[in-house]
Amino acid sequence: MKKIDGFDSALLGIATVWQQHERVDTLVYDGERIVTTLCEQGGCSYEEALEYISFNIEGAYVGSDTPIIVWLCDMERVEEMAEESLDE
């Protein structure tokens, strides 16, 4: 399993996913905790932290066990996002 260096405090656990007919265990991280770590230790603003995560972590594919970042939300937000994707 690949980890995101420097963000052990944001680790939530392990997810089992299927990649091309193969079971893969993948580490799962809390996105907001990563933001907090970047702001506290790296001196980033909230927006800078989000940009860093988007480009350097979420945008990096490092194999079938690429870590997953979770952004907690409610069903209302999920439905809004679904509508937005239909509009694109």
PDB file of N, CA and C in Angstrom:
ATOM      1  N   MET A   1       0.845  -1.184   0.000  1.00  0.00           N
ATOM      2  CA  MET A   1       0.000   0.000   0.000  1.00  0.00           C
ATOM      3  C   MET A   1       0.883   1.238   0.000  1.00  0.00           C
ATOM      4  N   LYS A   2       0.513   2.176  -0.812  1.00  0.00           N
ATOM      5  CA  LYS A   2       1.257   3.428  -0.866  1.00  0.00           C
ATOM      6  C   LYS A   2       0.641   4.424   0.109  1.00  0.00           C
ATOM      7  N   LYS A   3       1.509   5.208   0.744  1.00  0.00           N
ATOM      8  CA  LYS A   3       1.025   6.201   1.691  1.00  0.00           C
ATOM      9  C   LYS A   3       1.361   7.604   1.188  1.00  0.00           C
ATOM     10  N   ILE A   4       0.682   8.575   1.764  1.00  0.00           N
ATOM     11  CA  ILE A   4       0.976   9.973   1.466  1.00  0.00           C
ATOM     12  C   ILE A   4       1.911  10.446   2.572  1.00  0.00           C
ATOM     13  N   ASP A   5       3.174  10.646   2.242  1.00  0.00           N
ATOM     14  CA  ASP A   5       4.177  11.016   3.241  1.00  0.00           C
ATOM     15  C   ASP A   5       3.814  12.313   3.946  1.00  0.00           C
ATOM     16  N   GLY A   6       3.982  12.299   5.263  1.00  0.00           N
ATOM     17  CA  GLY A   6       3.778  13.490   6.065  1.00  0.00           C
ATOM     18  C   GLY A   6       2.366  13.695   6.570  1.00  0.00           C
ATOM     19  N   PHE A   7       1.468  12.775   6.248  1.00  0.00           N
ATOM     20  CA  PHE A   7       0.069  12.962   6.625  1.00  0.00           C
ATOM     21  C   PHE A   7      -0.500  11.765   7.378  1.00  0.00           C
ATOM     22  N   ASP A   8       0.338  11.103   8.182  1.00  0.00           N
ATOM     23  CA  ASP A   8      -0.130   9.953   8.959  1.00  0.00           C
ATOM     24  C   ASP A   8      -1.302  10.318   9.869  1.00  0.00           C
ATOM     25  N   SER A   9      -1.314  11.557  10.370  1.00  0.00           N
ATOM     26  CA  SER A   9      -2.400  11.974  11.269  1.00  0.00           C
ATOM     27  C   SER A   9      -3.745  12.066  10.548  1.00  0.00           C
ATOM     28  N   ALA A  10      -3.725  12.102   9.227  1.00  0.00           N
ATOM     29  CA  ALA A  10      -4.966  12.189   8.447  1.00  0.00           C
ATOM     30  C   ALA A  10      -5.466  10.817   7.987  1.00  0.00           C
ATOM     31  N   LEU A  11      -4.745   9.765   8.329  1.00  0.00           N
ATOM     32  CA  LEU A  11      -5.135   8.423   7.902  1.00  0.00           C
ATOM     33  C   LEU A  11      -6.436   8.005   8.573  1.00  0.00           C
ATOM     34  N   LEU A  12      -7.396   7.562   7.763  1.00  0.00           N
ATOM     35  CA  LEU A  12      -8.673   7.053   8.271  1.00  0.00           C
ATOM     36  C   LEU A  12      -8.667   5.537   8.374  1.00  0.00           C
ATOM     37  N   GLY A  13      -8.036   4.882   7.426  1.00  0.00           N
ATOM     38  CA  GLY A  13      -8.023   3.430   7.426  1.00  0.00           C
ATOM     39  C   GLY A  13      -7.708   2.877   6.055  1.00  0.00           C
ATOM     40  N   ILE A  14      -8.231   1.689   5.806  1.00  0.00           N
ATOM     41  CA  ILE A  14      -7.962   0.965   4.562  1.00  0.00           C
ATOM     42  C   ILE A  14      -9.274   0.683   3.840  1.00  0.00           C
ATOM     43  N   ALA A  15      -9.264   0.876   2.540  1.00  0.00           N
ATOM     44  CA  ALA A  15     -10.405   0.503   1.702  1.00  0.00           C
ATOM     45  C   ALA A  15      -9.970  -0.637   0.788  1.00  0.00           C
ATOM     46  N   THR A  16     -10.872  -1.568   0.579  1.00  0.00           N
ATOM     47  CA  THR A  16     -10.611  -2.633  -0.378  1.00  0.00           C
ATOM     48  C   THR A  16     -11.397  -2.299  -1.641  1.00  0.00           C
ATOM     49  N   VAL A  17     -10.680  -2.178  -2.749  1.00  0.00           N
ATOM     50  CA  VAL A  17     -11.305  -1.843  -4.028  1.00  0.00           C
ATOM     51  C   VAL A  17     -10.916  -2.904  -5.054  1.00  0.00           C
ATOM     52  N   TRP A  18     -11.676  -2.946  -6.127  1.00  0.00           N
ATOM     53  CA  TRP A  18     -11.374  -3.886  -7.207  1.00  0.00           C
ATOM     54  C   TRP A  18     -10.847  -3.109  -8.395  1.00  0.00           C
ATOM     55  N   GLN A  19      -9.655  -3.499  -8.838  1.00  0.00           N
ATOM     56  CA  GLN A  19      -8.999  -2.889  -9.989  1.00  0.00           C
ATOM     57  C   GLN A  19      -8.730  -3.988 -11.011  1.00  0.00           C
ATOM     58  N   GLN A  20      -9.385  -3.927 -12.140  1.00  0.00           N
ATOM     59  CA  GLN A  20      -9.172  -4.901 -13.217  1.00  0.00           C
ATOM     60  C   GLN A  20      -9.188  -6.341 -12.693  1.00  0.00           C
ATOM     61  N   HIS A  21     -10.275  -6.704 -12.031  1.00  0.00           N
ATOM     62  CA  HIS A  21     -10.503  -8.056 -11.519  1.00  0.00           C
ATOM     63  C   HIS A  21      -9.521  -8.478 -10.428  1.00  0.00           C
ATOM     64  N   GLU A  22      -8.915  -7.508  -9.761  1.00  0.00           N
ATOM     65  CA  GLU A  22      -7.958  -7.793  -8.697  1.00  0.00           C
ATOM     66  C   GLU A  22      -8.331  -6.989  -7.456  1.00  0.00           C
ATOM     67  N   ARG A  23      -8.317  -7.623  -6.316  1.00  0.00           N
ATOM     68  CA  ARG A  23      -8.596  -6.956  -5.041  1.00  0.00           C
ATOM     69  C   ARG A  23      -7.354  -6.177  -4.621  1.00  0.00           C
ATOM     70  N   VAL A  24      -7.549  -4.886  -4.302  1.00  0.00           N
ATOM     71  CA  VAL A  24      -6.435  -4.023  -3.909  1.00  0.00           C
ATOM     72  C   VAL A  24      -6.810  -3.299  -2.627  1.00  0.00           C
ATOM     73  N   ASP A  25      -5.928  -3.373  -1.625  1.00  0.00           N
ATOM     74  CA  ASP A  25      -6.119  -2.598  -0.399  1.00  0.00           C
ATOM     75  C   ASP A  25      -5.447  -1.247  -0.584  1.00  0.00           C
ATOM     76  N   THR A  26      -6.174  -0.194  -0.237  1.00  0.00           N
ATOM     77  CA  THR A  26      -5.727   1.174  -0.474  1.00  0.00           C
ATOM     78  C   THR A  26      -5.902   2.003   0.790  1.00  0.00           C
ATOM     79  N   LEU A  27      -4.921   2.824   1.118  1.00  0.00           N
ATOM     80  CA  LEU A  27      -5.037   3.696   2.280  1.00  0.00           C
ATOM     81  C   LEU A  27      -6.002   4.839   1.988  1.00  0.00           C
ATOM     82  N   VAL A  28      -6.757   5.236   3.005  1.00  0.00           N
ATOM     83  CA  VAL A  28      -7.774   6.282   2.877  1.00  0.00           C
ATOM     84  C   VAL A  28      -7.439   7.400   3.860  1.00  0.00           C
ATOM     85  N   TYR A  29      -7.461   8.633   3.359  1.00  0.00           N
ATOM     86  CA  TYR A  29      -7.110   9.801   4.158  1.00  0.00           C
ATOM     87  C   TYR A  29      -8.266  10.798   4.213  1.00  0.00           C
ATOM     88  N   ASP A  30      -8.312  11.563   5.295  1.00  0.00           N
ATOM     89  CA  ASP A  30      -9.300  12.625   5.484  1.00  0.00           C
ATOM     90  C   ASP A  30      -8.751  13.907   4.857  1.00  0.00           C
ATOM     91  N   GLY A  31      -9.421  14.400   3.825  1.00  0.00           N
ATOM     92  CA  GLY A  31      -8.970  15.595   3.121  1.00  0.00           C
ATOM     93  C   GLY A  31      -8.854  16.815   4.013  1.00  0.00           C
ATOM     94  N   GLU A  32      -9.818  17.011   4.911  1.00  0.00           N
ATOM     95  CA  GLU A  32      -9.780  18.185   5.790  1.00  0.00           C
ATOM     96  C   GLU A  32      -8.600  18.122   6.757  1.00  0.00           C
ATOM     97  N   ARG A  33      -8.247  16.923   7.205  1.00  0.00           N
ATOM     98  CA  ARG A  33      -7.078  16.793   8.092  1.00  0.00           C
ATOM     99  C   ARG A  33      -5.786  17.093   7.340  1.00  0.00           C
ATOM    100  N   ILE A  34      -5.741  16.737   6.062  1.00  0.00           N
ATOM    101  CA  ILE A  34      -4.570  17.084   5.250  1.00  0.00           C
ATOM    102  C   ILE A  34      -4.476  18.597   5.114  1.00  0.00           C
ATOM    103  N   VAL A  35      -5.609  19.246   4.873  1.00  0.00           N
ATOM    104  CA  VAL A  35      -5.632  20.710   4.786  1.00  0.00           C
ATOM    105  C   VAL A  35      -5.117  21.315   6.083  1.00  0.00           C
ATOM    106  N   THR A  36      -5.611  20.832   7.206  1.00  0.00           N
ATOM    107  CA  THR A  36      -5.198  21.350   8.507  1.00  0.00           C
ATOM    108  C   THR A  36      -3.688  21.201   8.699  1.00  0.00           C
ATOM    109  N   THR A  37      -3.161  20.048   8.342  1.00  0.00           N
ATOM    110  CA  THR A  37      -1.726  19.809   8.472  1.00  0.00           C
ATOM    111  C   THR A  37      -0.941  20.784   7.606  1.00  0.00           C
ATOM    112  N   LEU A  38      -1.362  20.970   6.369  1.00  0.00           N
ATOM    113  CA  LEU A  38      -0.663  21.897   5.475  1.00  0.00           C
ATOM    114  C   LEU A  38      -0.703  23.330   6.008  1.00  0.00           C
ATOM    115  N   CYS A  39      -1.846  23.726   6.556  1.00  0.00           N
ATOM    116  CA  CYS A  39      -1.981  25.084   7.085  1.00  0.00           C
ATOM    117  C   CYS A  39      -1.127  25.280   8.336  1.00  0.00           C
ATOM    118  N   GLU A  40      -1.136  24.291   9.213  1.00  0.00           N
ATOM    119  CA  GLU A  40      -0.407  24.414  10.478  1.00  0.00           C
ATOM    120  C   GLU A  40       1.093  24.238  10.309  1.00  0.00           C
ATOM    121  N   GLN A  41       1.503  23.252   9.535  1.00  0.00           N
ATOM    122  CA  GLN A  41       2.930  22.957   9.422  1.00  0.00           C
ATOM    123  C   GLN A  41       3.585  23.645   8.228  1.00  0.00           C
ATOM    124  N   GLY A  42       2.809  23.877   7.178  1.00  0.00           N
ATOM    125  CA  GLY A  42       3.387  24.465   5.974  1.00  0.00           C
ATOM    126  C   GLY A  42       3.117  25.948   5.812  1.00  0.00           C
ATOM    127  N   GLY A  43       2.289  26.498   6.696  1.00  0.00           N
ATOM    128  CA  GLY A  43       1.983  27.915   6.618  1.00  0.00           C
ATOM    129  C   GLY A  43       1.126  28.303   5.427  1.00  0.00           C
ATOM    130  N   CYS A  44       0.406  27.349   4.875  1.00  0.00           N
ATOM    131  CA  CYS A  44      -0.459  27.617   3.715  1.00  0.00           C
ATOM    132  C   CYS A  44      -1.781  28.229   4.170  1.00  0.00           C
ATOM    133  N   SER A  45      -2.401  28.952   3.270  1.00  0.00           N
ATOM    134  CA  SER A  45      -3.790  29.351   3.483  1.00  0.00           C
ATOM    135  C   SER A  45      -4.658  28.147   3.134  1.00  0.00           C
ATOM    136  N   TYR A  46      -5.924  28.199   3.483  1.00  0.00           N
ATOM    137  CA  TYR A  46      -6.852  27.110   3.170  1.00  0.00           C
ATOM    138  C   TYR A  46      -6.891  26.877   1.654  1.00  0.00           C
ATOM    139  N   GLU A  47      -6.985  27.948   0.892  1.00  0.00           N
ATOM    140  CA  GLU A  47      -7.062  27.843  -0.570  1.00  0.00           C
ATOM    141  C   GLU A  47      -5.779  27.262  -1.155  1.00  0.00           C
ATOM    142  N   GLU A  48      -4.618  27.684  -0.617  1.00  0.00           N
ATOM    143  CA  GLU A  48      -3.350  27.132  -1.089  1.00  0.00           C
ATOM    144  C   GLU A  48      -3.251  25.648  -0.784  1.00  0.00           C
ATOM    145  N   ALA A  49      -3.732  25.250   0.383  1.00  0.00           N
ATOM    146  CA  ALA A  49      -3.714  23.838   0.752  1.00  0.00           C
ATOM    147  C   ALA A  49      -4.587  23.018  -0.203  1.00  0.00           C
ATOM    148  N   LEU A  50      -5.776  23.527  -0.528  1.00  0.00           N
ATOM    149  CA  LEU A  50      -6.654  22.821  -1.471  1.00  0.00           C
ATOM    150  C   LEU A  50      -5.994  22.689  -2.841  1.00  0.00           C
ATOM    151  N   GLU A  51      -5.339  23.746  -3.281  1.00  0.00           N
ATOM    152  CA  GLU A  51      -4.656  23.704  -4.579  1.00  0.00           C
ATOM    153  C   GLU A  51      -3.518  22.677  -4.557  1.00  0.00           C
ATOM    154  N   TYR A  52      -2.759  22.656  -3.473  1.00  0.00           N
ATOM    155  CA  TYR A  52      -1.672  21.693  -3.339  1.00  0.00           C
ATOM    156  C   TYR A  52      -2.209  20.266  -3.401  1.00  0.00           C
ATOM    157  N   ILE A  53      -3.268  20.011  -2.658  1.00  0.00           N
ATOM    158  CA  ILE A  53      -3.865  18.672  -2.633  1.00  0.00           C
ATOM    159  C   ILE A  53      -4.361  18.285  -4.020  1.00  0.00           C
ATOM    160  N   SER A  54      -5.052  19.192  -4.679  1.00  0.00           N
ATOM    161  CA  SER A  54      -5.606  18.910  -6.002  1.00  0.00           C
ATOM    162  C   SER A  54      -4.512  18.547  -7.004  1.00  0.00           C
ATOM    163  N   PHE A  55      -3.458  19.334  -7.020  1.00  0.00           N
ATOM    164  CA  PHE A  55      -2.405  19.138  -8.014  1.00  0.00           C
ATOM    165  C   PHE A  55      -1.441  18.022  -7.645  1.00  0.00           C
ATOM    166  N   ASN A  56      -0.984  18.000  -6.398  1.00  0.00           N
ATOM    167  CA  ASN A  56       0.102  17.108  -5.992  1.00  0.00           C
ATOM    168  C   ASN A  56      -0.337  15.767  -5.423  1.00  0.00           C
ATOM    169  N   ILE A  57      -1.549  15.680  -4.929  1.00  0.00           N
ATOM    170  CA  ILE A  57      -1.983  14.415  -4.327  1.00  0.00           C
ATOM    171  C   ILE A  57      -3.101  13.784  -5.156  1.00  0.00           C
ATOM    172  N   GLU A  58      -4.210  14.488  -5.303  1.00  0.00           N
ATOM    173  CA  GLU A  58      -5.333  13.913  -6.056  1.00  0.00           C
ATOM    174  C   GLU A  58      -4.974  13.718  -7.526  1.00  0.00           C
ATOM    175  N   GLY A  59      -4.113  14.562  -8.049  1.00  0.00           N
ATOM    176  CA  GLY A  59      -3.743  14.484  -9.464  1.00  0.00           C
ATOM    177  C   GLY A  59      -2.629  13.495  -9.758  1.00  0.00           C
ATOM    178  N   ALA A  60      -2.144  12.802  -8.741  1.00  0.00           N
ATOM    179  CA  ALA A  60      -1.028  11.875  -8.938  1.00  0.00           C
ATOM    180  C   ALA A  60      -1.521  10.430  -8.896  1.00  0.00           C
ATOM    181  N   TYR A  61      -1.403   9.744 -10.015  1.00  0.00           N
ATOM    182  CA  TYR A  61      -1.708   8.316 -10.047  1.00  0.00           C
ATOM    183  C   TYR A  61      -0.404   7.568  -9.863  1.00  0.00           C
ATOM    184  N   VAL A  62      -0.324   6.763  -8.811  1.00  0.00           N
ATOM    185  CA  VAL A  62       0.915   6.037  -8.512  1.00  0.00           C
ATOM    186  C   VAL A  62       0.684   4.526  -8.482  1.00  0.00           C
ATOM    187  N   GLY A  63      -0.275   4.089  -9.238  1.00  0.00           N
ATOM    188  CA  GLY A  63      -0.557   2.664  -9.320  1.00  0.00           C
ATOM    189  C   GLY A  63      -1.939   2.328  -8.800  1.00  0.00           C
ATOM    190  N   SER A  64      -2.269   1.050  -8.873  1.00  0.00           N
ATOM    191  CA  SER A  64      -3.612   0.616  -8.500  1.00  0.00           C
ATOM    192  C   SER A  64      -3.927   0.845  -7.029  1.00  0.00           C
ATOM    193  N   ASP A  65      -2.887   0.996  -6.209  1.00  0.00           N
ATOM    194  CA  ASP A  65      -3.120   1.254  -4.791  1.00  0.00           C
ATOM    195  C   ASP A  65      -2.881   2.727  -4.421  1.00  0.00           C
ATOM    196  N   THR A  66      -3.130   3.606  -5.395  1.00  0.00           N
ATOM    197  CA  THR A  66      -3.043   5.045  -5.130  1.00  0.00           C
ATOM    198  C   THR A  66      -3.964   5.390  -3.969  1.00  0.00           C
ATOM    199  N   PRO A  67      -3.468   6.129  -2.966  1.00  0.00           N
ATOM    200  CA  PRO A  67      -4.309   6.475  -1.817  1.00  0.00           C
ATOM    201  C   PRO A  67      -5.569   7.239  -2.222  1.00  0.00           C
ATOM    202  N   ILE A  68      -6.594   7.089  -1.406  1.00  0.00           N
ATOM    203  CA  ILE A  68      -7.883   7.742  -1.609  1.00  0.00           C
ATOM    204  C   ILE A  68      -8.016   8.876  -0.594  1.00  0.00           C
ATOM    205  N   ILE A  69      -8.505  10.022  -1.053  1.00  0.00           N
ATOM    206  CA  ILE A  69      -8.786  11.126  -0.140  1.00  0.00           C
ATOM    207  C   ILE A  69     -10.294  11.282  -0.047  1.00  0.00           C
ATOM    208  N   VAL A  70     -10.804  11.325   1.181  1.00  0.00           N
ATOM    209  CA  VAL A  70     -12.235  11.448   1.438  1.00  0.00           C
ATOM    210  C   VAL A  70     -12.537  12.874   1.880  1.00  0.00           C
ATOM    211  N   TRP A  71     -13.579  13.453   1.277  1.00  0.00           N
ATOM    212  CA  TRP A  71     -14.089  14.763   1.665  1.00  0.00           C
ATOM    213  C   TRP A  71     -15.497  14.530   2.178  1.00  0.00           C
ATOM    214  N   LEU A  72     -15.670  14.654   3.491  1.00  0.00           N
ATOM    215  CA  LEU A  72     -16.973  14.382   4.093  1.00  0.00           C
ATOM    216  C   LEU A  72     -18.001  15.401   3.623  1.00  0.00           C
ATOM    217  N   CYS A  73     -19.205  14.914   3.361  1.00  0.00           N
ATOM    218  CA  CYS A  73     -20.304  15.794   2.957  1.00  0.00           C
ATOM    219  C   CYS A  73     -21.620  15.072   3.230  1.00  0.00           C
ATOM    220  N   ASP A  74     -22.710  15.794   3.054  1.00  0.00           N
ATOM    221  CA  ASP A  74     -24.025  15.183   3.258  1.00  0.00           C
ATOM    222  C   ASP A  74     -24.661  14.871   1.909  1.00  0.00           C
ATOM    223  N   MET A  75     -25.817  14.208   1.942  1.00  0.00           N
ATOM    224  CA  MET A  75     -26.478  13.786   0.706  1.00  0.00           C
ATOM    225  C   MET A  75     -26.885  14.980  -0.157  1.00  0.00           C
ATOM    226  N   GLU A  76     -27.227  16.077   0.469  1.00  0.00           N
ATOM    227  CA  GLU A  76     -27.589  17.277  -0.291  1.00  0.00           C
ATOM    228  C   GLU A  76     -26.430  17.714  -1.192  1.00  0.00           C
ATOM    229  N   ARG A  77     -25.218  17.705  -0.655  1.00  0.00           N
ATOM    230  CA  ARG A  77     -24.039  18.087  -1.442  1.00  0.00           C
ATOM    231  C   ARG A  77     -23.781  17.078  -2.556  1.00  0.00           C
ATOM    232  N   VAL A  78     -23.978  15.799  -2.283  1.00  0.00           N
ATOM    233  CA  VAL A  78     -23.801  14.770  -3.308  1.00  0.00           C
ATOM    234  C   VAL A  78     -24.770  15.007  -4.461  1.00  0.00           C
ATOM    235  N   GLU A  79     -26.020  15.312  -4.141  1.00  0.00           N
ATOM    236  CA  GLU A  79     -27.023  15.575  -5.176  1.00  0.00           C
ATOM    237  C   GLU A  79     -26.684  16.827  -5.970  1.00  0.00           C
ATOM    238  N   GLU A  80     -26.178  17.872  -5.296  1.00  0.00           N
ATOM    239  CA  GLU A  80     -25.749  19.089  -6.001  1.00  0.00           C
ATOM    240  C   GLU A  80     -24.633  18.770  -6.990  1.00  0.00           C
ATOM    241  N   MET A  81     -23.672  17.976  -6.552  1.00  0.00           N
ATOM    242  CA  MET A  81     -22.556  17.617  -7.423  1.00  0.00           C
ATOM    243  C   MET A  81     -23.027  16.789  -8.612  1.00  0.00           C
ATOM    244  N   ALA A  82     -23.989  15.911  -8.385  1.00  0.00           N
ATOM    245  CA  ALA A  82     -24.532  15.103  -9.473  1.00  0.00           C
ATOM    246  C   ALA A  82     -25.217  15.987 -10.508  1.00  0.00           C
ATOM    247  N   GLU A  83     -25.969  16.974 -10.042  1.00  0.00           N
ATOM    248  CA  GLU A  83     -26.625  17.910 -10.958  1.00  0.00           C
ATOM    249  C   GLU A  83     -25.598  18.723 -11.735  1.00  0.00           C
ATOM    250  N   GLU A  84     -24.562  19.177 -11.055  1.00  0.00           N
ATOM    251  CA  GLU A  84     -23.517  19.957 -11.714  1.00  0.00           C
ATOM    252  C   GLU A  84     -22.838  19.144 -12.812  1.00  0.00           C
ATOM    253  N   SER A  85     -22.610  17.853 -12.571  1.00  0.00           N
ATOM    254  CA  SER A  85     -21.950  17.031 -13.577  1.00  0.00           C
ATOM    255  C   SER A  85     -22.860  16.796 -14.781  1.00  0.00           C
ATOM    256  N   LEU A  86     -24.164  16.788 -14.563  1.00  0.00           N
ATOM    257  CA  LEU A  86     -25.098  16.641 -15.683  1.00  0.00           C
ATOM    258  C   LEU A  86     -25.126  17.899 -16.542  1.00  0.00           C
ATOM    259  N   ASP A  87     -24.898  19.049 -15.922  1.00  0.00           N
ATOM    260  CA  ASP A  87     -24.904  20.324 -16.634  1.00  0.00           C
ATOM    261  C   ASP A  87     -23.676  20.528 -17.509  1.00  0.00           C
ATOM    262  N   GLU A  88     -22.615  19.770 -17.257  1.00  0.00           N
ATOM    263  CA  GLU A  88     -21.360  19.953 -18.008  1.00  0.00           C
ATOM    264  C   GLU A  88     -21.392  19.316 -19.346  1.00  0.00           C
TER     265      GLU A  88
END
